[in-house]
Amino acid sequence: MSEHGYLEQVRFLIIDDNAFSRQLTRRILNQFGAREIHEAENGARAKDEVKSFKPDIIIVDWVMSPVNGMEFVRWLREGPDSPEPFTPVIMVTAYSHLHNIMQARDAGINEFLTKPISAKSLIKRVQSVIEKPRQFVRADEYFGPDRRRRDLPHRGTERRSDLMDDGDVVDLGPHTTG
């Protein structure tokens, strides 16, 4: 992964209202060979960038105005005018409480990164979306990457089989087995 040109063919969109944070993220990506990097200072401007630039990976901050990162991700995943709902999204934020992580996951992000970021942590998340892409699923209240990260052997009665519809994967969250 330390290869200088690792990200040479990957198109990035960085969405953050803080110019220093955008610059830091850009420099890290440049160190790994990224050349096509666009920026937006909020989710509203980012919508236009997604439509014209068509990034391969989006790195988005949570807290921005007038359109914050969560609103942007919801638009990207389910907006009727979203051109790229399957684009991987890495959410970057200083808000690292479990409920924030769960809320971002439920909005459809692929990876979560807590500020302040380091080169190692950012590249690890980028590498994850490139090398370990997760299948997208559609359920009644969710569209995005499969929220389950590990394939654990199931013990006990299969309780989800009657909830499956046309091969969709449905995640009911944590549950106990017998």
Protein backbone atom coordinates (compact mmCIF):
# COMPACT_ATOMS: atom_id res chain seq x y z
CA MET A 1 0.00 0.00 0.00
CA SER A 2 2.92 2.39 0.40
CA GLU A 3 3.20 2.57 -3.36
CA HIS A 4 3.34 6.23 -4.46
CA GLY A 5 0.87 5.80 -7.33
CA TYR A 6 -1.69 3.74 -5.41
CA LEU A 7 -4.48 6.27 -5.99
CA GLU A 8 -3.40 7.61 -9.37
CA GLN A 9 -6.59 6.57 -11.18
CA VAL A 10 -9.03 7.38 -8.35
CA ARG A 11 -11.17 10.53 -8.50
CA PHE A 12 -11.89 12.14 -5.10
CA LEU A 13 -14.34 14.74 -3.87
CA ILE A 14 -13.51 16.34 -0.51
CA ILE A 15 -16.44 18.09 1.18
CA ASP A 16 -15.55 20.17 4.22
CA ASP A 17 -16.29 23.74 5.29
CA ASN A 18 -12.81 24.05 6.81
CA ALA A 19 -10.20 24.99 4.20
CA PHE A 20 -7.34 23.64 6.34
CA SER A 21 -9.06 20.24 6.65
CA ARG A 22 -9.61 20.10 2.89
CA GLN A 23 -5.96 20.99 2.29
CA LEU A 24 -4.72 18.34 4.75
CA THR A 25 -6.91 15.66 3.17
CA ARG A 26 -5.74 16.68 -0.31
CA ARG A 27 -2.06 16.48 0.72
CA ILE A 28 -2.51 13.00 2.18
CA LEU A 29 -4.24 11.78 -0.98
CA ASN A 30 -1.55 13.40 -3.13
CA GLN A 31 1.14 11.51 -1.20
CA PHE A 32 -0.46 8.29 -2.37
CA GLY A 33 -0.67 9.40 -5.98
CA ALA A 34 -4.16 10.92 -6.20
CA ARG A 35 -4.27 13.57 -8.89
CA GLU A 36 -7.96 14.19 -9.60
CA ILE A 37 -9.29 15.82 -6.46
CA HIS A 38 -12.16 18.29 -6.37
CA GLU A 39 -13.35 20.18 -3.32
CA ALA A 40 -16.60 21.63 -2.03
CA GLU A 41 -17.14 23.70 1.10
CA ASN A 42 -20.59 22.27 1.86
CA GLY A 43 -23.11 19.66 0.80
CA ALA A 44 -25.03 22.04 -1.47
CA ARG A 45 -22.00 22.77 -3.63
CA ALA A 46 -20.99 19.12 -3.45
CA LYS A 47 -24.21 18.09 -5.21
CA ASP A 48 -23.10 20.07 -8.27
CA GLU A 49 -19.61 18.52 -8.10
CA VAL A 50 -21.04 15.00 -7.97
CA LYS A 51 -23.13 15.72 -11.04
CA SER A 52 -20.29 17.24 -13.10
CA PHE A 53 -17.13 15.54 -11.78
CA LYS A 54 -18.48 12.05 -10.89
CA PRO A 55 -15.99 11.12 -8.14
CA ASP A 56 -14.99 7.53 -7.35
CA ILE A 57 -14.76 8.24 -3.59
CA ILE A 58 -16.28 11.03 -1.52
CA ILE A 59 -14.77 12.23 1.77
CA VAL A 60 -17.32 14.32 3.65
CA ASP A 61 -17.35 16.25 6.91
CA TRP A 62 -20.49 16.03 9.04
CA VAL A 63 -21.01 19.59 10.31
CA MET A 64 -21.46 22.14 7.51
CA SER A 65 -24.07 24.63 6.40
CA PRO A 66 -26.41 25.05 4.55
CA VAL A 67 -26.33 21.31 3.69
CA ASN A 68 -24.45 19.15 6.21
CA GLY A 69 -22.69 15.86 5.53
CA MET A 70 -25.58 13.68 6.68
CA GLU A 71 -28.05 15.52 4.46
CA PHE A 72 -25.63 15.20 1.55
CA VAL A 73 -25.23 11.44 2.06
CA ARG A 74 -28.99 10.95 2.25
CA TRP A 75 -29.37 12.90 -1.02
CA LEU A 76 -26.55 10.93 -2.66
CA ARG A 77 -28.08 7.58 -1.70
CA GLU A 78 -31.77 8.30 -2.26
CA GLY A 79 -32.27 11.68 -3.93
CA PRO A 80 -34.25 11.48 -7.18
CA ASP A 81 -31.64 13.67 -8.90
CA SER A 82 -28.58 11.84 -7.48
CA PRO A 83 -26.51 10.60 -10.42
CA GLU A 84 -24.19 8.33 -8.41
CA PRO A 85 -25.96 6.65 -5.44
CA PHE A 86 -23.38 3.84 -5.23
CA THR A 87 -20.35 6.13 -4.75
CA PRO A 88 -18.37 5.13 -1.63
CA VAL A 89 -18.50 7.74 1.15
CA ILE A 90 -16.05 8.21 4.01
CA MET A 91 -17.56 10.37 6.78
CA VAL A 92 -15.03 12.49 8.67
CA THR A 93 -16.07 14.19 11.91
CA ALA A 94 -15.02 15.19 15.39
CA TYR A 95 -18.24 13.61 16.69
CA SER A 96 -17.20 10.08 17.51
CA HIS A 97 -19.85 8.93 19.98
CA LEU A 98 -21.41 5.58 19.16
CA HIS A 99 -24.78 7.15 18.35
CA ASN A 100 -23.05 9.41 15.77
CA ILE A 101 -21.34 6.43 14.17
CA MET A 102 -24.62 4.51 14.06
CA GLN A 103 -26.47 7.49 12.60
CA ALA A 104 -23.85 7.90 9.86
CA ARG A 105 -23.92 4.16 9.15
CA ASP A 106 -27.70 4.25 8.89
CA ALA A 107 -27.50 7.14 6.42
CA GLY A 108 -25.40 4.97 4.10
CA ILE A 109 -21.75 5.85 4.66
CA ASN A 110 -19.11 3.24 3.85
CA GLU A 111 -16.46 4.25 6.39
CA PHE A 112 -16.23 6.53 9.44
CA LEU A 113 -13.14 8.52 10.42
CA THR A 114 -12.69 10.67 13.53
CA LYS A 115 -10.91 14.02 13.39
CA PRO A 116 -8.12 14.83 13.70
CA ILE A 117 -7.21 12.50 10.86
CA SER A 118 -3.83 10.99 10.13
CA ALA A 119 -2.43 9.82 6.82
CA LYS A 120 -2.53 6.23 8.04
CA SER A 121 -6.17 6.37 9.18
CA LEU A 122 -7.39 8.06 6.00
CA ILE A 123 -5.56 5.74 3.65
CA LYS A 124 -6.77 2.73 5.63
CA ARG A 125 -10.40 3.83 5.03
CA VAL A 126 -9.73 4.57 1.35
CA GLN A 127 -8.06 1.19 0.95
CA SER A 128 -11.06 -0.48 2.57
CA VAL A 129 -13.58 0.98 0.10
CA ILE A 130 -11.32 0.10 -2.84
CA GLU A 131 -10.16 -3.37 -1.86
CA LYS A 132 -13.11 -4.59 0.25
CA PRO A 133 -16.21 -3.09 -1.34
CA ARG A 134 -19.47 -4.01 0.35
CA GLN A 135 -22.59 -5.03 -1.51
CA PHE A 136 -25.33 -2.39 -1.58
CA VAL A 137 -28.69 -3.32 -0.12
CA ARG A 138 -32.16 -1.82 -0.26
CA ALA A 139 -34.60 -2.28 2.60
CA ASP A 140 -37.73 -0.37 3.58
CA GLU A 141 -35.86 2.32 5.50
CA TYR A 142 -32.32 1.94 4.14
CA PHE A 143 -30.28 2.06 0.97
CA GLY A 144 -26.51 1.83 1.11
CA PRO A 145 -23.61 -0.51 1.72
CA ASP A 146 -24.34 -3.66 3.70
CA ARG A 147 -23.98 -2.59 7.32
CA ARG A 148 -22.73 -5.97 8.44
CA ARG A 149 -18.94 -6.14 8.47
CA ARG A 150 -18.22 -9.71 9.49
CA ASP A 151 -19.57 -13.04 8.38
CA LEU A 152 -20.24 -14.79 11.65
CA PRO A 153 -21.59 -18.33 11.73
CA HIS A 154 -25.25 -18.33 12.69
CA ARG A 155 -26.35 -20.60 15.50
CA GLY A 156 -29.97 -21.18 16.21
CA THR A 157 -33.17 -20.79 14.25
CA GLU A 158 -33.11 -18.66 11.10
CA ARG A 159 -35.49 -15.85 11.98
CA ARG A 160 -34.91 -13.65 8.95
CA SER A 161 -35.84 -15.97 6.09
CA ASP A 162 -39.46 -14.82 6.08
CA LEU A 163 -38.31 -11.19 5.86
CA MET A 164 -36.27 -11.62 2.69
CA ASP A 165 -37.83 -10.16 -0.44
CA ASP A 166 -36.47 -10.76 -3.94
CA GLY A 167 -32.99 -11.53 -2.67
CA ASP A 168 -32.52 -8.23 -0.82
CA VAL A 169 -30.31 -8.35 2.24
CA VAL A 170 -32.07 -7.07 5.33
CA ASP A 171 -30.16 -6.05 8.44
CA LEU A 172 -32.22 -6.08 11.60
CA GLY A 173 -29.32 -5.02 13.79
CA PRO A 174 -27.82 -6.87 16.76
CA HIS A 175 -29.70 -9.86 18.04
CA THR A 176 -29.00 -12.81 20.27
CA THR A 177 -29.00 -16.40 19.17
CA GLY A 178 -29.67 -19.56 21.12
